[in-house]
Amino acid sequence: MKDQPKAGTGTAHRVMKLLSFLADADGPVSVSMAGNALGLAPATTHRLLNLAVEEGFATYNADTATYGVGMEYYRVAARVTARVSPAVVARSTISELAARYDETVLFGLYLKKDGRIAFIERADGQRKLLYRIDMNTPLSLVWGASGKAALAFLPEADVARILEREGPSPATGQTPPEATALFAELRRIREKGYCVSHGEKLPGALGIAAPVFGPGGVLGTLCMTMPRERAPEVSTDELGREVAQAARDLTDRFEGRRS
């Protein structure tokens, strides 16, 4: 019986590393670029790249002698991505934050077509909320930290359109802000990287939220919420920075970029 190849040295392992390299590359790569990055001999690298081309996972440009990602690679990646809900990706991040501060943390998904946001995942601490949070329900972007944290990073034309059809605060009945005032507030949110609100969307609620980005821009927000009378053990600014960092970590997991 032949000896089995050592872990990490077989062809399958090398192909996986090569596909990862192609996915992370900024553009087409040469044999030498791939070989140097993976620590493989030119002949081995050339053979593996040609194998990827044969299966449609890579393309070859004879004019530049470079390789890029193939259509089969795109197809497989798209199928996998379509099966992974953003809620699943966000789950561990919001669970860690909820456990650290013993408060409720939510992930809200930006609904671009509707100009709204919907909470699709939540994690609760031991401390109970005194109000109900509607899940999987389109909610305002104009009222509350969870909405404004996303609104602040949308194009001004989109913000104006959303504001135009916005109704009174669901918590207080207050009329929507004037455009000038709202744009000034959104500018401050962008500068800080997070938003804090008090009882705008839900009566008696304190919200602290930060934007989460996907490859196409704003994906949603990460929001911590607690009753206003339950003063946090640390300042809201410190909590805001923690929420913003968790949102950045989540953005990295989504391979997002700020638009």
C-alpha atoms as a PDB file:
ATOM      1  CA  MET A   1       0.000   0.000   0.000  1.00  0.00           C
ATOM      2  CA  LYS A   2       1.406   3.400  -0.996  1.00  0.00           C
ATOM      3  CA  ASP A   3       2.046   6.003   1.653  1.00  0.00           C
ATOM      4  CA  GLN A   4      -0.603   8.701   1.854  1.00  0.00           C
ATOM      5  CA  PRO A   5       0.592  12.255   1.121  1.00  0.00           C
ATOM      6  CA  LYS A   6       1.179  14.404   4.171  1.00  0.00           C
ATOM      7  CA  ALA A   7      -1.593  16.814   5.107  1.00  0.00           C
ATOM      8  CA  GLY A   8      -1.221  20.040   3.193  1.00  0.00           C
ATOM      9  CA  THR A   9       1.012  18.612   0.464  1.00  0.00           C
ATOM     10  CA  GLY A  10      -1.426  16.801  -1.848  1.00  0.00           C
ATOM     11  CA  THR A  11      -2.836  18.026  -5.137  1.00  0.00           C
ATOM     12  CA  ALA A  12      -6.261  18.750  -3.630  1.00  0.00           C
ATOM     13  CA  HIS A  13      -4.706  20.977  -0.982  1.00  0.00           C
ATOM     14  CA  ARG A  14      -2.672  22.853  -3.584  1.00  0.00           C
ATOM     15  CA  VAL A  15      -5.704  23.366  -5.814  1.00  0.00           C
ATOM     16  CA  MET A  16      -7.687  24.764  -2.876  1.00  0.00           C
ATOM     17  CA  LYS A  17      -4.872  27.179  -2.041  1.00  0.00           C
ATOM     18  CA  LEU A  18      -4.650  28.199  -5.692  1.00  0.00           C
ATOM     19  CA  LEU A  19      -8.389  28.905  -5.921  1.00  0.00           C
ATOM     20  CA  SER A  20      -8.202  30.990  -2.744  1.00  0.00           C
ATOM     21  CA  PHE A  21      -5.289  32.925  -4.227  1.00  0.00           C
ATOM     22  CA  LEU A  22      -7.222  33.620  -7.437  1.00  0.00           C
ATOM     23  CA  ALA A  23     -10.222  34.828  -5.444  1.00  0.00           C
ATOM     24  CA  ASP A  24      -8.132  37.225  -3.341  1.00  0.00           C
ATOM     25  CA  ALA A  25      -5.997  38.579  -6.195  1.00  0.00           C
ATOM     26  CA  ASP A  26      -6.704  42.125  -7.351  1.00  0.00           C
ATOM     27  CA  GLY A  27      -6.634  41.021 -11.006  1.00  0.00           C
ATOM     28  CA  PRO A  28      -5.149  38.483 -13.422  1.00  0.00           C
ATOM     29  CA  VAL A  29      -2.022  36.671 -12.192  1.00  0.00           C
ATOM     30  CA  SER A  30       0.974  35.107 -13.880  1.00  0.00           C
ATOM     31  CA  VAL A  31       2.462  31.687 -13.198  1.00  0.00           C
ATOM     32  CA  SER A  32       5.352  33.261 -11.316  1.00  0.00           C
ATOM     33  CA  MET A  33       3.031  35.399  -9.165  1.00  0.00           C
ATOM     34  CA  ALA A  34       0.944  32.397  -8.156  1.00  0.00           C
ATOM     35  CA  GLY A  35       3.971  30.163  -7.642  1.00  0.00           C
ATOM     36  CA  ASN A  36       5.765  32.682  -5.444  1.00  0.00           C
ATOM     37  CA  ALA A  37       2.659  33.305  -3.347  1.00  0.00           C
ATOM     38  CA  LEU A  38       1.990  29.599  -2.817  1.00  0.00           C
ATOM     39  CA  GLY A  39       5.586  28.409  -2.608  1.00  0.00           C
ATOM     40  CA  LEU A  40       5.248  26.090  -5.606  1.00  0.00           C
ATOM     41  CA  ALA A  41       7.591  25.293  -8.465  1.00  0.00           C
ATOM     42  CA  PRO A  42       6.714  26.943 -11.808  1.00  0.00           C
ATOM     43  CA  ALA A  43       5.934  23.593 -13.448  1.00  0.00           C
ATOM     44  CA  THR A  44       3.583  22.607 -10.618  1.00  0.00           C
ATOM     45  CA  THR A  45       1.872  25.991 -10.640  1.00  0.00           C
ATOM     46  CA  HIS A  46       1.434  25.855 -14.412  1.00  0.00           C
ATOM     47  CA  ARG A  47      -0.092  22.376 -14.209  1.00  0.00           C
ATOM     48  CA  LEU A  48      -2.555  23.378 -11.483  1.00  0.00           C
ATOM     49  CA  LEU A  49      -3.589  26.544 -13.297  1.00  0.00           C
ATOM     50  CA  ASN A  50      -4.222  24.613 -16.499  1.00  0.00           C
ATOM     51  CA  LEU A  51      -6.283  22.107 -14.525  1.00  0.00           C
ATOM     52  CA  ALA A  52      -8.393  24.991 -13.179  1.00  0.00           C
ATOM     53  CA  VAL A  53      -8.808  26.313 -16.735  1.00  0.00           C
ATOM     54  CA  GLU A  54      -9.970  22.908 -17.991  1.00  0.00           C
ATOM     55  CA  GLU A  55     -12.666  22.787 -15.310  1.00  0.00           C
ATOM     56  CA  GLY A  56     -13.793  26.373 -15.904  1.00  0.00           C
ATOM     57  CA  PHE A  57     -12.545  27.690 -12.558  1.00  0.00           C
ATOM     58  CA  ALA A  58      -9.909  29.856 -14.235  1.00  0.00           C
ATOM     59  CA  THR A  59      -9.416  31.624 -17.548  1.00  0.00           C
ATOM     60  CA  TYR A  60      -6.204  32.099 -19.519  1.00  0.00           C
ATOM     61  CA  ASN A  61      -5.285  35.195 -21.517  1.00  0.00           C
ATOM     62  CA  ALA A  62      -2.675  34.240 -24.122  1.00  0.00           C
ATOM     63  CA  ASP A  63      -1.864  37.871 -24.910  1.00  0.00           C
ATOM     64  CA  THR A  64      -0.741  38.624 -21.361  1.00  0.00           C
ATOM     65  CA  ALA A  65       0.072  35.060 -20.227  1.00  0.00           C
ATOM     66  CA  THR A  66      -2.084  35.578 -17.147  1.00  0.00           C
ATOM     67  CA  TYR A  67      -4.884  33.712 -15.391  1.00  0.00           C
ATOM     68  CA  GLY A  68      -8.102  34.983 -13.867  1.00  0.00           C
ATOM     69  CA  VAL A  69     -11.259  33.694 -12.197  1.00  0.00           C
ATOM     70  CA  GLY A  70     -13.417  31.545 -14.509  1.00  0.00           C
ATOM     71  CA  MET A  71     -17.184  31.486 -14.953  1.00  0.00           C
ATOM     72  CA  GLU A  72     -17.577  28.157 -13.191  1.00  0.00           C
ATOM     73  CA  TYR A  73     -15.889  29.680 -10.143  1.00  0.00           C
ATOM     74  CA  TYR A  74     -18.359  32.577 -10.252  1.00  0.00           C
ATOM     75  CA  ARG A  75     -21.290  30.174 -10.624  1.00  0.00           C
ATOM     76  CA  VAL A  76     -20.298  28.047  -7.647  1.00  0.00           C
ATOM     77  CA  ALA A  77     -19.571  31.104  -5.491  1.00  0.00           C
ATOM     78  CA  ALA A  78     -22.945  32.622  -6.358  1.00  0.00           C
ATOM     79  CA  ARG A  79     -24.781  29.401  -5.469  1.00  0.00           C
ATOM     80  CA  VAL A  80     -23.047  29.179  -2.108  1.00  0.00           C
ATOM     81  CA  THR A  81     -23.609  32.859  -1.320  1.00  0.00           C
ATOM     82  CA  ALA A  82     -27.296  32.593  -2.162  1.00  0.00           C
ATOM     83  CA  ARG A  83     -27.707  29.828   0.416  1.00  0.00           C
ATOM     84  CA  VAL A  84     -26.055  31.713   3.261  1.00  0.00           C
ATOM     85  CA  SER A  85     -28.406  34.174   4.911  1.00  0.00           C
ATOM     86  CA  PRO A  86     -26.926  37.425   6.243  1.00  0.00           C
ATOM     87  CA  ALA A  87     -28.619  36.498   9.517  1.00  0.00           C
ATOM     88  CA  VAL A  88     -26.444  33.403   9.801  1.00  0.00           C
ATOM     89  CA  VAL A  89     -23.283  35.382   9.073  1.00  0.00           C
ATOM     90  CA  ALA A  90     -24.219  38.017  11.661  1.00  0.00           C
ATOM     91  CA  ARG A  91     -25.233  35.569  14.389  1.00  0.00           C
ATOM     92  CA  SER A  92     -21.897  35.016  16.103  1.00  0.00           C
ATOM     93  CA  THR A  93     -20.979  38.713  16.064  1.00  0.00           C
ATOM     94  CA  ILE A  94     -24.196  39.909  17.666  1.00  0.00           C
ATOM     95  CA  SER A  95     -24.196  37.004  20.136  1.00  0.00           C
ATOM     96  CA  GLU A  96     -20.717  37.925  21.349  1.00  0.00           C
ATOM     97  CA  LEU A  97     -21.689  41.575  21.792  1.00  0.00           C
ATOM     98  CA  ALA A  98     -24.930  40.682  23.603  1.00  0.00           C
ATOM     99  CA  ALA A  99     -23.069  38.372  25.984  1.00  0.00           C
ATOM    100  CA  ARG A 100     -20.371  40.975  26.680  1.00  0.00           C
ATOM    101  CA  TYR A 101     -22.832  43.679  27.759  1.00  0.00           C
ATOM    102  CA  ASP A 102     -25.795  41.510  28.759  1.00  0.00           C
ATOM    103  CA  GLU A 103     -28.105  43.506  26.476  1.00  0.00           C
ATOM    104  CA  THR A 104     -30.115  42.819  23.322  1.00  0.00           C
ATOM    105  CA  VAL A 105     -28.290  43.208  20.009  1.00  0.00           C
ATOM    106  CA  LEU A 106     -29.941  43.088  16.579  1.00  0.00           C
ATOM    107  CA  PHE A 107     -28.890  42.877  12.969  1.00  0.00           C
ATOM    108  CA  GLY A 108     -31.083  44.937  10.664  1.00  0.00           C
ATOM    109  CA  LEU A 109     -31.106  44.301   6.917  1.00  0.00           C
ATOM    110  CA  TYR A 110     -31.435  47.321   4.632  1.00  0.00           C
ATOM    111  CA  LEU A 111     -34.366  46.851   2.237  1.00  0.00           C
ATOM    112  CA  LYS A 112     -33.233  48.976  -0.682  1.00  0.00           C
ATOM    113  CA  LYS A 113     -36.401  48.624  -2.737  1.00  0.00           C
ATOM    114  CA  ASP A 114     -38.609  49.758   0.151  1.00  0.00           C
ATOM    115  CA  GLY A 115     -36.227  52.272   1.717  1.00  0.00           C
ATOM    116  CA  ARG A 116     -36.733  50.512   5.060  1.00  0.00           C
ATOM    117  CA  ILE A 117     -34.886  48.243   7.458  1.00  0.00           C
ATOM    118  CA  ALA A 118     -35.948  44.918   8.989  1.00  0.00           C
ATOM    119  CA  PHE A 119     -34.462  43.124  11.986  1.00  0.00           C
ATOM    120  CA  ILE A 120     -33.643  39.603  10.826  1.00  0.00           C
ATOM    121  CA  GLU A 121     -31.481  38.346  13.707  1.00  0.00           C
ATOM    122  CA  ARG A 122     -31.269  39.081  17.437  1.00  0.00           C
ATOM    123  CA  ALA A 123     -29.311  37.967  20.467  1.00  0.00           C
ATOM    124  CA  ASP A 124     -30.518  38.662  24.002  1.00  0.00           C
ATOM    125  CA  GLY A 125     -28.592  39.186  27.210  1.00  0.00           C
ATOM    126  CA  GLN A 126     -29.893  38.229  30.644  1.00  0.00           C
ATOM    127  CA  ARG A 127     -31.431  41.663  31.145  1.00  0.00           C
ATOM    128  CA  LYS A 128     -34.989  41.763  29.871  1.00  0.00           C
ATOM    129  CA  LEU A 129     -36.436  44.415  27.590  1.00  0.00           C
ATOM    130  CA  LEU A 130     -39.542  46.351  28.585  1.00  0.00           C
ATOM    131  CA  TYR A 131     -40.752  46.690  25.010  1.00  0.00           C
ATOM    132  CA  ARG A 132     -41.401  44.459  22.035  1.00  0.00           C
ATOM    133  CA  ILE A 133     -39.198  44.419  18.960  1.00  0.00           C
ATOM    134  CA  ASP A 134     -40.883  43.374  15.721  1.00  0.00           C
ATOM    135  CA  MET A 135     -38.730  40.970  13.736  1.00  0.00           C
ATOM    136  CA  ASN A 136     -38.779  40.606   9.946  1.00  0.00           C
ATOM    137  CA  THR A 137     -40.959  43.706   9.645  1.00  0.00           C
ATOM    138  CA  PRO A 138     -40.053  46.731   7.472  1.00  0.00           C
ATOM    139  CA  LEU A 139     -39.288  49.678   9.759  1.00  0.00           C
ATOM    140  CA  SER A 140     -38.347  53.334   9.341  1.00  0.00           C
ATOM    141  CA  LEU A 141     -34.867  54.503   8.407  1.00  0.00           C
ATOM    142  CA  VAL A 142     -35.599  58.061   9.560  1.00  0.00           C
ATOM    143  CA  TRP A 143     -36.515  57.242  13.146  1.00  0.00           C
ATOM    144  CA  GLY A 144     -34.196  55.452  15.574  1.00  0.00           C
ATOM    145  CA  ALA A 145     -30.505  54.599  15.601  1.00  0.00           C
ATOM    146  CA  SER A 146     -30.971  51.334  13.720  1.00  0.00           C
ATOM    147  CA  GLY A 147     -32.332  53.203  10.706  1.00  0.00           C
ATOM    148  CA  LYS A 148     -30.257  56.373  10.806  1.00  0.00           C
ATOM    149  CA  ALA A 149     -26.985  54.433  10.990  1.00  0.00           C
ATOM    150  CA  ALA A 150     -27.824  53.084   7.530  1.00  0.00           C
ATOM    151  CA  LEU A 151     -29.448  56.260   6.210  1.00  0.00           C
ATOM    152  CA  ALA A 152     -26.287  58.269   6.933  1.00  0.00           C
ATOM    153  CA  PHE A 153     -24.345  56.305   4.342  1.00  0.00           C
ATOM    154  CA  LEU A 154     -26.880  56.332   1.513  1.00  0.00           C
ATOM    155  CA  PRO A 155     -26.735  58.755  -1.444  1.00  0.00           C
ATOM    156  CA  GLU A 156     -28.393  62.102  -0.694  1.00  0.00           C
ATOM    157  CA  ALA A 157     -30.970  61.544  -3.433  1.00  0.00           C
ATOM    158  CA  ASP A 158     -32.063  58.306  -1.753  1.00  0.00           C
ATOM    159  CA  VAL A 159     -32.228  60.024   1.640  1.00  0.00           C
ATOM    160  CA  ALA A 160     -34.391  62.818   0.229  1.00  0.00           C
ATOM    161  CA  ARG A 161     -36.748  60.323  -1.390  1.00  0.00           C
ATOM    162  CA  ILE A 162     -37.062  58.305   1.830  1.00  0.00           C
ATOM    163  CA  LEU A 163     -37.661  61.437   3.918  1.00  0.00           C
ATOM    164  CA  GLU A 164     -40.342  62.687   1.528  1.00  0.00           C
ATOM    165  CA  ARG A 165     -42.589  59.715   2.219  1.00  0.00           C
ATOM    166  CA  GLU A 166     -41.758  59.343   5.927  1.00  0.00           C
ATOM    167  CA  GLY A 167     -44.512  59.608   8.526  1.00  0.00           C
ATOM    168  CA  PRO A 168     -44.504  60.716  12.169  1.00  0.00           C
ATOM    169  CA  SER A 169     -42.372  59.002  14.793  1.00  0.00           C
ATOM    170  CA  PRO A 170     -44.045  55.696  15.756  1.00  0.00           C
ATOM    171  CA  ALA A 171     -43.029  56.345  19.360  1.00  0.00           C
ATOM    172  CA  THR A 172     -43.865  60.020  19.922  1.00  0.00           C
ATOM    173  CA  GLY A 173     -45.916  61.165  16.944  1.00  0.00           C
ATOM    174  CA  GLN A 174     -43.349  63.856  16.166  1.00  0.00           C
ATOM    175  CA  THR A 175     -43.331  65.034  12.555  1.00  0.00           C
ATOM    176  CA  PRO A 176     -40.321  64.113  10.390  1.00  0.00           C
ATOM    177  CA  PRO A 177     -37.362  66.513  10.547  1.00  0.00           C
ATOM    178  CA  GLU A 178     -36.668  69.093   7.876  1.00  0.00           C
ATOM    179  CA  ALA A 179     -34.181  67.949   5.250  1.00  0.00           C
ATOM    180  CA  THR A 180     -31.518  70.430   6.388  1.00  0.00           C
ATOM    181  CA  ALA A 181     -31.693  69.218   9.982  1.00  0.00           C
ATOM    182  CA  LEU A 182     -31.669  65.563   8.975  1.00  0.00           C
ATOM    183  CA  PHE A 183     -28.672  65.944   6.662  1.00  0.00           C
ATOM    184  CA  ALA A 184     -26.765  67.714   9.446  1.00  0.00           C
ATOM    185  CA  GLU A 185     -27.537  64.866  11.849  1.00  0.00           C
ATOM    186  CA  LEU A 186     -26.511  62.249   9.301  1.00  0.00           C
ATOM    187  CA  ARG A 187     -23.229  64.082   8.755  1.00  0.00           C
ATOM    188  CA  ARG A 188     -22.489  63.849  12.494  1.00  0.00           C
ATOM    189  CA  ILE A 189     -23.296  60.141  12.417  1.00  0.00           C
ATOM    190  CA  ARG A 190     -20.823  59.602   9.573  1.00  0.00           C
ATOM    191  CA  GLU A 191     -18.152  61.490  11.492  1.00  0.00           C
ATOM    192  CA  LYS A 192     -18.639  59.396  14.646  1.00  0.00           C
ATOM    193  CA  GLY A 193     -19.296  56.111  12.880  1.00  0.00           C
ATOM    194  CA  TYR A 194     -22.335  55.284  15.007  1.00  0.00           C
ATOM    195  CA  CYS A 195     -25.722  56.676  16.060  1.00  0.00           C
ATOM    196  CA  VAL A 196     -27.436  56.995  19.456  1.00  0.00           C
ATOM    197  CA  SER A 197     -31.197  57.559  19.745  1.00  0.00           C
ATOM    198  CA  HIS A 198     -33.696  57.861  22.583  1.00  0.00           C
ATOM    199  CA  GLY A 199     -37.283  56.678  22.158  1.00  0.00           C
ATOM    200  CA  GLU A 200     -37.703  57.583  18.479  1.00  0.00           C
ATOM    201  CA  LYS A 201     -38.879  54.256  17.108  1.00  0.00           C
ATOM    202  CA  LEU A 202     -39.905  52.488  20.330  1.00  0.00           C
ATOM    203  CA  PRO A 203     -41.169  54.265  23.472  1.00  0.00           C
ATOM    204  CA  GLY A 204     -38.633  54.109  26.289  1.00  0.00           C
ATOM    205  CA  ALA A 205     -35.868  52.598  24.171  1.00  0.00           C
ATOM    206  CA  LEU A 206     -32.225  53.578  23.920  1.00  0.00           C
ATOM    207  CA  GLY A 207     -30.589  52.512  20.661  1.00  0.00           C
ATOM    208  CA  ILE A 208     -26.930  52.478  19.652  1.00  0.00           C
ATOM    209  CA  ALA A 209     -26.238  51.414  16.071  1.00  0.00           C
ATOM    210  CA  ALA A 210     -23.527  51.363  13.407  1.00  0.00           C
ATOM    211  CA  PRO A 211     -23.583  50.579   9.685  1.00  0.00           C
ATOM    212  CA  VAL A 212     -22.660  47.234   8.154  1.00  0.00           C
ATOM    213  CA  PHE A 213     -21.487  47.189   4.548  1.00  0.00           C
ATOM    214  CA  GLY A 214     -21.596  44.488   1.901  1.00  0.00           C
ATOM    215  CA  PRO A 215     -19.824  44.366  -1.468  1.00  0.00           C
ATOM    216  CA  GLY A 216     -22.427  46.750  -2.895  1.00  0.00           C
ATOM    217  CA  GLY A 217     -22.441  49.321  -0.106  1.00  0.00           C
ATOM    218  CA  VAL A 218     -24.867  49.565   2.835  1.00  0.00           C
ATOM    219  CA  LEU A 219     -26.092  46.108   3.837  1.00  0.00           C
ATOM    220  CA  GLY A 220     -27.715  46.950   7.159  1.00  0.00           C
ATOM    221  CA  THR A 221     -26.946  47.938  10.732  1.00  0.00           C
ATOM    222  CA  LEU A 222     -25.885  46.394  13.993  1.00  0.00           C
ATOM    223  CA  CYS A 223     -27.894  47.795  16.903  1.00  0.00           C
ATOM    224  CA  MET A 224     -27.756  47.426  20.686  1.00  0.00           C
ATOM    225  CA  THR A 225     -30.931  48.375  22.540  1.00  0.00           C
ATOM    226  CA  MET A 226     -31.947  48.723  26.182  1.00  0.00           C
ATOM    227  CA  PRO A 227     -34.554  50.617  28.250  1.00  0.00           C
ATOM    228  CA  ARG A 228     -33.640  54.294  28.659  1.00  0.00           C
ATOM    229  CA  GLU A 229     -33.932  54.119  32.443  1.00  0.00           C
ATOM    230  CA  ARG A 230     -31.422  51.273  32.606  1.00  0.00           C
ATOM    231  CA  ALA A 231     -28.226  53.271  32.479  1.00  0.00           C
ATOM    232  CA  PRO A 232     -25.390  51.346  30.811  1.00  0.00           C
ATOM    233  CA  GLU A 233     -22.372  50.454  32.934  1.00  0.00           C
ATOM    234  CA  VAL A 234     -20.196  52.413  30.513  1.00  0.00           C
ATOM    235  CA  SER A 235     -20.850  55.629  28.589  1.00  0.00           C
ATOM    236  CA  THR A 236     -22.972  55.564  25.460  1.00  0.00           C
ATOM    237  CA  ASP A 237     -19.949  56.841  23.538  1.00  0.00           C
ATOM    238  CA  GLU A 238     -17.902  53.859  24.675  1.00  0.00           C
ATOM    239  CA  LEU A 239     -20.757  51.538  23.743  1.00  0.00           C
ATOM    240  CA  GLY A 240     -21.003  53.313  20.403  1.00  0.00           C
ATOM    241  CA  ARG A 241     -17.352  52.651  19.677  1.00  0.00           C
ATOM    242  CA  GLU A 242     -17.780  48.991  20.627  1.00  0.00           C
ATOM    243  CA  VAL A 243     -20.846  48.631  18.412  1.00  0.00           C
ATOM    244  CA  ALA A 244     -19.019  50.373  15.556  1.00  0.00           C
ATOM    245  CA  GLN A 245     -16.055  48.013  15.890  1.00  0.00           C
ATOM    246  CA  ALA A 246     -18.348  44.976  15.879  1.00  0.00           C
ATOM    247  CA  ALA A 247     -20.049  46.385  12.768  1.00  0.00           C
ATOM    248  CA  ARG A 248     -16.663  46.790  11.078  1.00  0.00           C
ATOM    249  CA  ASP A 249     -15.794  43.198  11.956  1.00  0.00           C
ATOM    250  CA  LEU A 250     -19.089  42.093  10.445  1.00  0.00           C
ATOM    251  CA  THR A 251     -18.400  44.190   7.349  1.00  0.00           C
ATOM    252  CA  ASP A 252     -15.125  42.301   6.942  1.00  0.00           C
ATOM    253  CA  ARG A 253     -16.999  39.003   7.133  1.00  0.00           C
ATOM    254  CA  PHE A 254     -19.317  40.190   4.372  1.00  0.00           C
ATOM    255  CA  GLU A 255     -16.282  41.414   2.407  1.00  0.00           C
ATOM    256  CA  GLY A 256     -18.041  44.747   2.336  1.00  0.00           C
ATOM    257  CA  ARG A 257     -16.937  48.188   1.357  1.00  0.00           C
ATOM    258  CA  ARG A 258     -18.194  51.624   2.279  1.00  0.00           C
ATOM    259  CA  SER A 259     -19.842  53.172  -0.774  1.00  0.00           C
END
